[in-house]
């Protein structure tokens, strides 16, 4: 275990809580030692957190033998039953959802096909409400147990305000989705870009737990990017985060779903590869199968020796290598994580990518570690639930007003 400065800008009480949640059962002395805080201060803060109902003391099984006259050794842990939160990931093809307890344990999960492409905000919110009711029913929890809902979706999302300026899953722009969902569902709702939530899931539950700084690139229906600095998500001065997928790699190039041309995403995302697959396989528009099946057919052709089909994947990998090199040249993180459902394809092999990245990366020092981490479909929802968990905890501790 390493010393972790979990967000120096956050109140000390919240930083202590974050540390205990990330570490699992841990003694007060250990918290004081690794956070560099006096034992007396830790005792005062943890007493307040226990009084607030978000921490509890557990017997320390590692120190079972104690003096009969001494106080039994205890560890501190998050009180799992304090409340539950739901996380929902919206995409143009499906919706995924999870329910977590206060300690981050998964209680229920659900998945459903998207209704029909982009929907009105009200239609999306009603669909979210139905999924939340399903999660609560699965877990035997009551509506009153629900502390918050987190929503992750692709597009340009301003987390602090809950505004969605554009998303392919909504048929309107500049929507105050956080406020509308809170009012309609009757529970605090917090919203963020889906790639930011993958980074949050990696920070809380995955490969980034012991890293102060790292970057996550998601390759799926779009190309997303999440950055963690000093154990916290970086969203930039306007709250939108960092949009690697919409950096320009070719002036007046391929059309991106955001409406601009030449974006990196327009050469990497599912729809971009499917667009090339249809041309390569010589399929008419009426003969084209769904995008995942179309990409699988292109992969089969490439594996069978079709050089044109193989070139589509090689070109996509070259663009991805250039994009990752841009991240390294600008940010130089200790760890690069590739995540998302598309990572089953061999063109995303880490060693091949690193070799290609060498052509674009500044030759100064050792390159960052590159890890491919495919969580499965629930990854996105897990990050949305982590966002809701953070919001609900802040509310419980009086650090944020109920929306």
Protein backbone atom coordinates (compact mmCIF):
# COMPACT_ATOMS: atom_id res chain seq x y z
CA UNK A 1 0.00 0.00 0.00
CA UNK A 2 1.27 3.47 -0.84
CA UNK A 3 0.64 6.90 0.58
CA UNK A 4 -2.22 8.53 -1.29
CA UNK A 5 -3.08 12.21 -1.38
CA UNK A 6 -6.70 11.77 -2.37
CA UNK A 7 -7.56 15.19 -3.69
CA UNK A 8 -5.81 17.89 -1.71
CA UNK A 9 -8.57 20.36 -2.63
CA UNK A 10 -11.29 18.33 -0.90
CA UNK A 11 -12.18 18.81 2.78
CA UNK A 12 -10.01 16.71 5.08
CA UNK A 13 -13.00 14.74 6.36
CA UNK A 14 -13.86 13.66 2.82
CA UNK A 15 -10.25 12.79 2.02
CA UNK A 16 -10.13 10.51 5.07
CA UNK A 17 -13.37 8.86 4.01
CA UNK A 18 -12.08 8.41 0.44
CA UNK A 19 -8.94 6.77 1.76
CA UNK A 20 -10.84 4.30 3.95
CA UNK A 21 -13.26 3.45 1.12
CA UNK A 22 -10.35 2.82 -1.28
CA UNK A 23 -8.32 0.79 1.22
CA UNK A 24 -10.99 -1.43 2.75
CA UNK A 25 -10.86 -2.26 6.49
CA UNK A 26 -7.93 -0.29 7.89
CA UNK A 27 -6.84 0.84 11.34
CA UNK A 28 -6.85 4.45 12.50
CA UNK A 29 -3.10 4.26 13.05
CA UNK A 30 -2.55 3.11 9.48
CA UNK A 31 -4.70 5.91 8.09
CA UNK A 32 -2.79 8.47 10.17
CA UNK A 33 0.58 7.08 9.11
CA UNK A 34 -0.06 6.87 5.36
CA UNK A 35 -1.97 10.15 5.08
CA UNK A 36 0.55 12.04 7.21
CA UNK A 37 -2.11 13.24 9.68
CA UNK A 38 -1.87 13.18 13.46
CA UNK A 39 -3.57 10.22 15.21
CA UNK A 40 -5.65 12.62 17.28
CA UNK A 41 -7.04 14.32 14.18
CA UNK A 42 -7.84 10.96 12.59
CA UNK A 43 -9.65 9.84 15.74
CA UNK A 44 -11.77 13.00 15.77
CA UNK A 45 -12.63 12.79 12.06
CA UNK A 46 -13.47 9.08 12.08
CA UNK A 47 -15.66 9.55 15.16
CA UNK A 48 -17.62 12.16 13.19
CA UNK A 49 -17.91 9.79 10.20
CA UNK A 50 -19.16 6.99 12.44
CA UNK A 51 -21.69 9.39 13.97
CA UNK A 52 -22.80 10.37 10.43
CA UNK A 53 -23.51 6.69 9.72
CA UNK A 54 -21.07 6.19 6.83
CA UNK A 55 -18.26 4.39 8.69
CA UNK A 56 -18.28 1.50 11.14
CA UNK A 57 -15.80 -0.34 13.32
CA UNK A 58 -15.05 -3.99 12.58
CA UNK A 59 -13.02 -6.50 14.62
CA UNK A 60 -9.42 -6.60 13.38
CA UNK A 61 -8.93 -10.32 12.74
CA UNK A 62 -5.22 -9.80 12.07
CA UNK A 63 -4.73 -8.84 15.74
CA UNK A 64 -7.02 -11.27 17.49
CA UNK A 65 -4.85 -11.75 20.59
CA UNK A 66 -5.17 -8.80 22.94
CA UNK A 67 -4.80 -8.22 26.62
CA UNK A 68 -8.03 -9.01 28.53
CA UNK A 69 -7.90 -5.51 29.94
CA UNK A 70 -7.11 -3.85 26.60
CA UNK A 71 -9.60 -2.54 24.07
CA UNK A 72 -10.11 -5.10 21.26
CA UNK A 73 -8.34 -3.91 18.10
CA UNK A 74 -10.70 -2.63 15.42
CA UNK A 75 -10.53 -1.58 11.79
CA UNK A 76 -12.56 1.09 10.05
CA UNK A 77 -14.70 0.33 7.02
CA UNK A 78 -17.46 1.95 5.03
CA UNK A 79 -20.89 1.02 6.35
CA UNK A 80 -22.25 -0.90 3.38
CA UNK A 81 -25.93 -0.56 4.29
CA UNK A 82 -25.95 3.23 4.69
CA UNK A 83 -27.64 3.65 1.28
CA UNK A 84 -27.61 2.27 -2.27
CA UNK A 85 -26.90 4.01 -5.58
CA UNK A 86 -27.70 3.22 -9.20
CA UNK A 87 -25.47 3.73 -12.21
CA UNK A 88 -26.86 3.85 -15.76
CA UNK A 89 -24.89 3.91 -19.03
CA UNK A 90 -26.76 5.11 -22.12
CA UNK A 91 -25.66 4.32 -25.66
CA UNK A 92 -27.29 4.23 -29.06
CA UNK A 93 -27.50 0.42 -28.94
CA UNK A 94 -28.31 -0.43 -25.33
CA UNK A 95 -28.56 0.66 -21.70
CA UNK A 96 -26.71 -1.02 -18.83
CA UNK A 97 -27.29 -0.52 -15.12
CA UNK A 98 -25.90 -1.60 -11.75
CA UNK A 99 -26.91 -1.08 -8.13
CA UNK A 100 -24.15 -0.68 -5.54
CA UNK A 101 -24.21 -0.46 -1.77
CA UNK A 102 -22.34 2.29 0.08
CA UNK A 103 -19.14 0.22 0.14
CA UNK A 104 -19.21 -0.27 -3.64
CA UNK A 105 -20.44 -3.88 -3.63
CA UNK A 106 -22.62 -4.77 -6.60
CA UNK A 107 -26.16 -5.77 -5.58
CA UNK A 108 -27.90 -6.05 -8.96
CA UNK A 109 -27.36 -5.49 -12.68
CA UNK A 110 -29.54 -5.08 -15.75
CA UNK A 111 -29.21 -4.56 -19.48
CA UNK A 112 -31.75 -3.56 -22.14
CA UNK A 113 -31.70 -2.70 -25.82
CA UNK A 114 -32.00 0.96 -26.72
CA UNK A 115 -35.54 1.88 -27.70
CA UNK A 116 -34.72 3.42 -31.09
CA UNK A 117 -31.58 5.46 -31.58
CA UNK A 118 -31.68 8.97 -30.14
CA UNK A 119 -34.66 9.72 -27.87
CA UNK A 120 -36.20 12.74 -26.25
CA UNK A 121 -34.83 13.55 -22.80
CA UNK A 122 -38.16 12.53 -21.22
CA UNK A 123 -38.10 9.14 -22.98
CA UNK A 124 -34.56 8.46 -21.80
CA UNK A 125 -35.36 9.49 -18.22
CA UNK A 126 -38.47 7.29 -18.12
CA UNK A 127 -36.43 4.34 -19.41
CA UNK A 128 -33.83 5.01 -16.70
CA UNK A 129 -36.58 5.06 -14.08
CA UNK A 130 -37.81 1.64 -15.21
CA UNK A 131 -34.29 0.19 -14.96
CA UNK A 132 -33.82 1.62 -11.47
CA UNK A 133 -37.08 0.02 -10.31
CA UNK A 134 -35.88 -3.29 -11.75
CA UNK A 135 -32.57 -3.02 -9.86
CA UNK A 136 -34.33 -2.24 -6.58
CA UNK A 137 -36.71 -5.16 -7.10
CA UNK A 138 -33.84 -7.57 -7.83
CA UNK A 139 -31.99 -6.57 -4.65
CA UNK A 140 -35.01 -6.33 -2.38
CA UNK A 141 -34.22 -2.68 -1.59
CA UNK A 142 -36.72 0.12 -1.14
CA UNK A 143 -36.95 3.35 -3.07
CA UNK A 144 -36.16 5.16 0.18
CA UNK A 145 -32.78 3.34 0.28
CA UNK A 146 -31.69 5.02 -2.96
CA UNK A 147 -29.19 7.82 -2.31
CA UNK A 148 -28.47 8.94 -5.89
CA UNK A 149 -28.42 7.94 -9.55
CA UNK A 150 -25.43 8.41 -11.84
CA UNK A 151 -25.86 8.65 -15.62
CA UNK A 152 -23.07 8.21 -18.11
CA UNK A 153 -23.57 8.99 -21.79
CA UNK A 154 -21.42 9.82 -24.82
CA UNK A 155 -21.08 13.38 -25.98
CA UNK A 156 -20.25 16.79 -24.55
CA UNK A 157 -21.37 16.77 -20.92
CA UNK A 158 -20.77 19.46 -18.30
CA UNK A 159 -20.72 17.41 -15.12
CA UNK A 160 -20.87 20.27 -12.61
CA UNK A 161 -24.17 21.57 -13.99
CA UNK A 162 -25.64 18.37 -15.43
CA UNK A 163 -25.95 19.98 -18.87
CA UNK A 164 -25.62 17.83 -21.99
CA UNK A 165 -24.64 20.08 -24.86
CA UNK A 166 -24.72 17.24 -27.41
CA UNK A 167 -25.08 13.48 -27.28
CA UNK A 168 -25.94 10.88 -29.96
CA UNK A 169 -28.45 9.30 -27.55
CA UNK A 170 -30.59 12.47 -27.32
CA UNK A 171 -32.51 14.06 -30.17
CA UNK A 172 -32.12 17.53 -28.68
CA UNK A 173 -29.09 19.65 -27.81
CA UNK A 174 -28.27 21.78 -24.76
CA UNK A 175 -30.38 19.77 -22.32
CA UNK A 176 -30.33 20.30 -18.55
CA UNK A 177 -30.45 16.54 -18.09
CA UNK A 178 -29.35 16.45 -14.44
CA UNK A 179 -32.12 18.79 -13.32
CA UNK A 180 -34.81 17.17 -15.51
CA UNK A 181 -33.93 13.67 -14.30
CA UNK A 182 -33.79 14.74 -10.64
CA UNK A 183 -37.23 16.32 -10.88
CA UNK A 184 -38.80 13.42 -12.78
CA UNK A 185 -37.23 10.57 -10.77
CA UNK A 186 -37.42 12.24 -7.35
CA UNK A 187 -33.83 11.42 -6.36
CA UNK A 188 -30.53 13.31 -6.88
CA UNK A 189 -29.13 12.56 -10.35
CA UNK A 190 -25.58 13.36 -11.43
CA UNK A 191 -24.41 13.18 -15.05
CA UNK A 192 -21.05 12.83 -16.78
CA UNK A 193 -19.37 11.79 -20.01
CA UNK A 194 -19.15 8.00 -20.21
CA UNK A 195 -15.36 7.93 -20.75
CA UNK A 196 -14.85 9.98 -17.57
CA UNK A 197 -16.83 7.33 -15.73
CA UNK A 198 -14.66 4.54 -17.09
CA UNK A 199 -11.69 6.44 -15.65
CA UNK A 200 -13.57 6.73 -12.35
CA UNK A 201 -14.28 3.00 -12.36
CA UNK A 202 -10.58 2.31 -12.94
CA UNK A 203 -9.68 4.71 -10.12
CA UNK A 204 -12.05 3.14 -7.58
CA UNK A 205 -12.24 -0.49 -8.64
CA UNK A 206 -9.64 -1.23 -11.31
CA UNK A 207 -6.08 -0.74 -12.55
CA UNK A 208 -5.78 2.86 -11.34
CA UNK A 209 -6.33 2.29 -7.62
CA UNK A 210 -2.64 2.70 -6.79
CA UNK A 211 -1.84 5.33 -9.44
CA UNK A 212 -1.88 9.06 -8.80
CA UNK A 213 -2.01 9.91 -12.52
CA UNK A 214 -3.24 7.84 -15.44
CA UNK A 215 -5.28 8.09 -18.63
CA UNK A 216 -8.04 5.89 -20.01
CA UNK A 217 -8.91 5.62 -23.70
CA UNK A 218 -12.16 3.89 -24.61
CA UNK A 219 -12.74 2.48 -28.09
CA UNK A 220 -16.26 1.35 -28.80
CA UNK A 221 -19.21 3.18 -30.35
CA UNK A 222 -17.02 6.27 -30.07
CA UNK A 223 -13.54 7.14 -28.84
CA UNK A 224 -13.51 8.47 -25.29
CA UNK A 225 -10.80 9.80 -23.02
CA UNK A 226 -10.60 10.16 -19.25
CA UNK A 227 -7.73 11.67 -17.26
CA UNK A 228 -6.97 11.22 -13.56
CA UNK A 229 -4.59 13.70 -11.91
CA UNK A 230 -3.65 13.38 -8.24
CA UNK A 231 -6.32 10.67 -7.77
CA UNK A 232 -9.12 12.88 -9.15
CA UNK A 233 -10.85 13.17 -12.51
CA UNK A 234 -9.63 16.11 -14.57
CA UNK A 235 -12.48 17.86 -16.38
CA UNK A 236 -10.84 21.10 -17.50
CA UNK A 237 -11.89 24.67 -16.81
CA UNK A 238 -15.28 24.35 -18.54
CA UNK A 239 -16.15 20.97 -17.02
CA UNK A 240 -16.23 19.00 -20.25
CA UNK A 241 -13.04 17.03 -19.66
CA UNK A 242 -10.69 16.10 -22.49
CA UNK A 243 -11.99 14.99 -25.90
CA UNK A 244 -9.24 12.94 -27.55
CA UNK A 245 -11.72 11.40 -29.98
CA UNK A 246 -12.52 14.81 -31.44
CA UNK A 247 -8.98 15.98 -31.98
CA UNK A 248 -8.35 16.49 -35.70
CA UNK A 249 -6.11 14.00 -37.48
CA UNK A 250 -6.99 15.06 -41.04
CA UNK A 251 -8.28 18.39 -42.30
CA UNK A 252 -11.59 17.90 -44.17
CA UNK A 253 -11.31 14.17 -43.51
CA UNK A 254 -13.92 11.51 -42.74
CA UNK A 255 -17.26 12.63 -41.28
CA UNK A 256 -17.56 12.22 -37.51
CA UNK A 257 -20.89 11.72 -35.76
CA UNK A 258 -20.33 15.05 -33.95
CA UNK A 259 -20.83 16.74 -37.34
CA UNK A 260 -17.22 17.78 -37.91
CA UNK A 261 -14.69 16.14 -40.21
CA UNK A 262 -11.30 14.60 -39.62
CA UNK A 263 -11.80 13.62 -35.94
CA UNK A 264 -9.78 10.69 -34.61
CA UNK A 265 -13.05 8.95 -33.75
CA UNK A 266 -14.08 9.00 -37.41
CA UNK A 267 -11.28 6.50 -38.10
CA UNK A 268 -11.54 4.27 -35.00
CA UNK A 269 -15.09 3.98 -33.69
CA UNK A 270 -17.44 1.11 -34.50
CA UNK A 271 -19.38 3.15 -37.01
CA UNK A 272 -16.17 4.26 -38.75
CA UNK A 273 -14.85 0.72 -39.20
CA UNK A 274 -18.32 -0.47 -40.23
CA UNK A 275 -18.41 2.29 -42.85
CA UNK A 276 -15.17 0.99 -44.36
CA UNK A 277 -16.29 -2.62 -43.95
CA UNK A 278 -19.37 -2.03 -46.10
CA UNK A 279 -17.19 -0.66 -48.90
CA UNK A 280 -14.53 -3.36 -48.55
CA UNK A 281 -17.08 -6.20 -48.51
CA UNK A 282 -19.06 -4.53 -51.32
CA UNK A 283 -22.35 -4.51 -49.45
CA UNK A 284 -25.28 -2.39 -50.52
CA UNK A 285 -26.98 -0.27 -47.85
CA UNK A 286 -29.97 -2.63 -47.72
CA UNK A 287 -27.71 -5.68 -47.32
CA UNK A 288 -25.71 -4.37 -44.37
CA UNK A 289 -26.13 -6.26 -41.05
CA UNK A 290 -25.93 -4.51 -37.61
CA UNK A 291 -22.60 -2.84 -36.92
CA UNK A 292 -21.14 -5.51 -34.56
CA UNK A 293 -21.94 -8.27 -37.08
CA UNK A 294 -20.53 -6.21 -39.94
CA UNK A 295 -17.24 -5.73 -38.09
CA UNK A 296 -17.11 -9.44 -37.27
CA UNK A 297 -17.53 -10.26 -40.95
CA UNK A 298 -14.70 -7.89 -41.83
CA UNK A 299 -12.51 -9.54 -39.21
CA UNK A 300 -13.32 -12.98 -40.61
CA UNK A 301 -12.34 -11.81 -44.10
CA UNK A 302 -9.09 -10.36 -42.79
CA UNK A 303 -8.26 -13.61 -40.99
CA UNK A 304 -8.97 -15.53 -44.21
CA UNK A 305 -6.31 -13.52 -46.04
CA UNK A 306 -8.27 -10.62 -47.51
CA UNK A 307 -5.59 -7.91 -47.66
CA UNK A 308 -8.13 -5.08 -48.11
CA UNK A 309 -10.04 -6.17 -45.01
CA UNK A 310 -6.82 -6.48 -43.01
CA UNK A 311 -5.79 -2.99 -44.12
CA UNK A 312 -8.90 -1.48 -42.51
CA UNK A 313 -7.79 -2.76 -39.10
CA UNK A 314 -4.14 -1.89 -39.66
CA UNK A 315 -5.09 1.67 -40.57
CA UNK A 316 -7.34 1.96 -37.52
CA UNK A 317 -4.53 0.73 -35.28
CA UNK A 318 -2.15 3.25 -36.83
CA UNK A 319 -4.56 6.07 -36.02
CA UNK A 320 -4.99 4.78 -32.47
CA UNK A 321 -1.21 4.60 -32.02
CA UNK A 322 -0.90 8.20 -33.17
CA UNK A 323 -3.66 9.27 -30.78
CA UNK A 324 -2.08 7.48 -27.81
CA UNK A 325 1.27 9.02 -28.66
CA UNK A 326 -0.34 12.45 -28.52
CA UNK A 327 -1.50 11.62 -24.99
CA UNK A 328 2.03 10.58 -24.01
CA UNK A 329 3.63 13.64 -25.60
CA UNK A 330 1.21 16.05 -23.90
CA UNK A 331 0.49 14.36 -20.59
CA UNK A 332 3.13 11.66 -19.96
CA UNK A 333 0.97 9.57 -17.59
CA UNK A 334 2.40 6.73 -15.53
CA UNK A 335 -0.20 4.37 -17.01
CA UNK A 336 -2.30 4.22 -20.18
CA UNK A 337 -5.39 2.02 -20.01
CA UNK A 338 -7.34 0.92 -23.08
CA UNK A 339 -10.87 -0.04 -22.17
CA UNK A 340 -14.18 -0.80 -23.86
CA UNK A 341 -16.15 -3.59 -25.51
CA UNK A 342 -14.19 -3.38 -28.79
CA UNK A 343 -11.00 -4.61 -27.14
CA UNK A 344 -11.63 -8.23 -28.13
CA UNK A 345 -10.09 -7.46 -31.53
CA UNK A 346 -6.47 -8.43 -32.02
CA UNK A 347 -5.62 -5.17 -33.77
CA UNK A 348 -5.61 -3.65 -30.26
CA UNK A 349 -2.81 -5.92 -29.03
CA UNK A 350 -0.72 -3.94 -26.54
CA UNK A 351 2.68 -4.95 -27.91
CA UNK A 352 1.74 -4.06 -31.49
CA UNK A 353 0.36 -0.73 -30.35
CA UNK A 354 3.49 0.10 -28.38
CA UNK A 355 5.63 -0.68 -31.41
CA UNK A 356 3.53 1.62 -33.59
CA UNK A 357 3.47 4.34 -30.94
CA UNK A 358 7.26 4.46 -31.03
CA UNK A 359 7.01 6.09 -34.46
CA UNK A 360 5.09 9.05 -33.02
CA UNK A 361 6.28 9.42 -29.43
CA UNK A 362 9.03 11.78 -28.31
CA UNK A 363 12.12 9.75 -27.44
CA UNK A 364 12.68 10.99 -23.89
CA UNK A 365 12.57 8.62 -20.95
CA UNK A 366 10.67 5.37 -20.62
CA UNK A 367 7.20 5.13 -22.18
CA UNK A 368 4.24 4.64 -19.82
CA UNK A 369 2.89 1.18 -19.17
CA UNK A 370 0.05 0.26 -21.54
CA UNK A 371 -2.67 -2.05 -20.27
CA UNK A 372 -5.70 -3.42 -22.09
CA UNK A 373 -8.56 -3.88 -19.66
CA UNK A 374 -11.86 -5.22 -20.96
CA UNK A 375 -14.37 -5.18 -18.12
CA UNK A 376 -17.43 -6.10 -20.15
CA UNK A 377 -20.63 -4.20 -20.71
CA UNK A 378 -21.20 -3.32 -17.04
CA UNK A 379 -17.96 -1.30 -16.79
CA UNK A 380 -19.64 1.90 -17.93
CA UNK A 381 -22.52 1.53 -15.49
CA UNK A 382 -20.07 0.74 -12.69
CA UNK A 383 -18.40 4.10 -13.29
CA UNK A 384 -21.78 5.86 -13.32
CA UNK A 385 -22.59 4.20 -9.99
CA UNK A 386 -19.26 5.36 -8.58
CA UNK A 387 -20.20 8.90 -9.59
CA UNK A 388 -23.55 8.53 -7.79
CA UNK A 389 -21.79 7.03 -4.77
CA UNK A 390 -19.45 10.02 -4.55
CA UNK A 391 -22.37 12.46 -4.82
CA UNK A 392 -24.51 10.63 -2.24
CA UNK A 393 -21.60 10.47 0.20
CA UNK A 394 -20.95 14.19 -0.17
CA UNK A 395 -24.62 14.83 0.59
CA UNK A 396 -24.53 12.51 3.63
CA UNK A 397 -21.49 14.34 4.96
CA UNK A 398 -23.00 17.76 4.36
CA UNK A 399 -20.48 18.68 1.69
CA UNK A 400 -23.08 19.13 -1.02
CA UNK A 401 -26.70 20.15 -0.92
CA UNK A 402 -29.36 17.72 -2.11
CA UNK A 403 -30.28 18.63 -5.69
